[in-house]
Amino acid sequence: MELDLKKIKDYVRADFEKYSDPQYSNIVVLLICQEPDRIEHIIDIGASILMTKYPELGGYPGGSFVQSVVDNNLSGAIGSADATNKLALDFYMKLLYNFSLYNYENS
């Protein structure tokens, strides 16, 4: 599969928008949504997580935080996360849990 970074980021953005719906979100997500730079950081890291977990998407492997998330290593993820990523861990877990290559390829 050829790398389509825009498609991957659009997928992550759509998932984050569903996740950040005030009807379903917690206060942490609502605080993140007040700062557009944080949202873009989360979208970038979410795309990196998917490309690391699914090399067939193309792209590049992520850094230590991303690898810890993909490896389901909570202590490693928290130990290497910046402030924004600590707040977004729940989103990243849901992103990974709900992701399907089949659904992504057919979206």
Protein backbone atom coordinates (compact mmCIF):
# COMPACT_ATOMS: atom_id res chain seq x y z
CA MET A 1 0.00 0.00 0.00
CA GLU A 2 1.36 3.41 -0.92
CA LEU A 3 1.70 5.98 1.86
CA ASP A 4 -1.16 8.46 1.87
CA LEU A 5 -0.37 10.62 4.90
CA LYS A 6 -3.28 12.96 4.23
CA LYS A 7 -5.73 10.04 4.25
CA ILE A 8 -4.24 8.68 7.47
CA LYS A 9 -4.40 12.07 9.17
CA ASP A 10 -7.96 12.63 7.91
CA TYR A 11 -8.93 9.24 9.38
CA VAL A 12 -7.35 10.12 12.75
CA ARG A 13 -8.94 13.60 12.69
CA ALA A 14 -12.41 12.16 12.04
CA ASP A 15 -11.92 9.65 14.86
CA PHE A 16 -10.77 12.42 17.21
CA GLU A 17 -13.77 14.56 16.29
CA LYS A 18 -16.10 11.67 17.21
CA TYR A 19 -14.11 11.08 20.40
CA SER A 20 -14.21 14.75 21.36
CA ASP A 21 -17.97 15.13 21.00
CA PRO A 22 -19.00 16.80 24.29
CA GLN A 23 -21.81 14.27 24.68
CA TYR A 24 -19.27 11.44 25.05
CA SER A 25 -16.10 13.15 26.23
CA ASN A 26 -14.52 13.69 29.57
CA ILE A 27 -13.23 17.02 30.83
CA VAL A 28 -9.64 16.25 29.75
CA VAL A 29 -10.65 15.99 26.10
CA LEU A 30 -12.68 19.16 26.31
CA LEU A 31 -9.64 20.99 27.71
CA ILE A 32 -7.45 19.68 24.88
CA CYS A 33 -9.97 20.93 22.33
CA GLN A 34 -9.48 24.50 23.56
CA GLU A 35 -5.97 24.53 22.05
CA PRO A 36 -5.73 23.88 18.26
CA ASP A 37 -1.97 23.22 18.44
CA ARG A 38 -2.61 20.34 20.81
CA ILE A 39 -5.18 18.86 18.46
CA GLU A 40 -2.72 18.94 15.55
CA HIS A 41 -0.07 17.30 17.74
CA ILE A 42 -2.54 14.54 18.64
CA ILE A 43 -3.45 14.02 14.97
CA ASP A 44 0.24 13.73 14.04
CA ILE A 45 0.97 11.27 16.85
CA GLY A 46 -2.18 9.26 16.09
CA ALA A 47 -1.06 8.92 12.45
CA SER A 48 2.41 7.86 13.61
CA ILE A 49 0.87 5.25 15.92
CA LEU A 50 -1.15 3.75 13.07
CA MET A 51 1.84 3.74 10.69
CA THR A 52 3.99 2.07 13.34
CA LYS A 53 1.38 -0.56 14.24
CA TYR A 54 0.51 -1.20 10.58
CA PRO A 55 3.69 -0.90 8.47
CA GLU A 56 1.64 -1.75 5.39
CA LEU A 57 0.24 1.80 5.60
CA GLY A 58 3.69 3.06 4.69
CA GLY A 59 5.45 5.82 6.50
CA TYR A 60 7.97 5.44 9.23
CA PRO A 61 8.20 3.91 12.70
CA GLY A 62 7.49 6.29 15.54
CA GLY A 63 9.68 7.32 18.44
CA SER A 64 9.83 5.90 21.95
CA PHE A 65 6.39 7.17 23.00
CA VAL A 66 4.70 5.82 19.88
CA GLN A 67 6.49 2.48 20.15
CA SER A 68 5.44 2.18 23.79
CA VAL A 69 1.79 2.82 22.86
CA VAL A 70 1.95 0.25 20.05
CA ASP A 71 3.62 -2.26 22.39
CA ASN A 72 0.91 -1.66 25.02
CA ASN A 73 3.65 -0.57 27.45
CA LEU A 74 1.87 1.83 29.79
CA SER A 75 4.87 2.72 31.94
CA GLY A 76 7.01 3.33 28.85
CA ALA A 77 4.29 5.48 27.28
CA ILE A 78 3.79 7.61 30.36
CA GLY A 79 7.53 7.87 30.94
CA SER A 80 8.18 9.19 27.43
CA ALA A 81 4.99 11.24 26.88
CA ASP A 82 4.82 15.00 26.76
CA ALA A 83 1.97 16.76 28.58
CA THR A 84 -0.41 16.59 25.60
CA ASN A 85 0.20 12.90 24.93
CA LYS A 86 -0.38 12.04 28.60
CA LEU A 87 -3.82 13.60 28.25
CA ALA A 88 -4.48 11.85 24.92
CA LEU A 89 -3.53 8.29 25.92
CA ASP A 90 -7.16 7.23 26.19
CA PHE A 91 -7.83 8.47 22.65
CA TYR A 92 -4.78 6.62 21.28
CA MET A 93 -5.91 3.36 22.88
CA LYS A 94 -9.40 3.73 21.40
CA LEU A 95 -7.91 4.64 18.02
CA LEU A 96 -5.85 1.44 17.99
CA TYR A 97 -8.66 -0.72 19.33
CA ASN A 98 -11.18 0.49 16.74
CA PHE A 99 -8.86 0.64 13.73
CA SER A 100 -9.32 -1.87 10.93
CA LEU A 101 -7.17 -1.98 7.79
CA TYR A 102 -10.18 -3.25 5.87
CA ASN A 103 -12.36 -0.30 6.93
CA TYR A 104 -9.51 2.14 6.37
CA GLU A 105 -8.79 0.86 2.85
CA ASN A 106 -12.47 1.08 1.96
CA SER A 107 -13.06 4.53 3.43
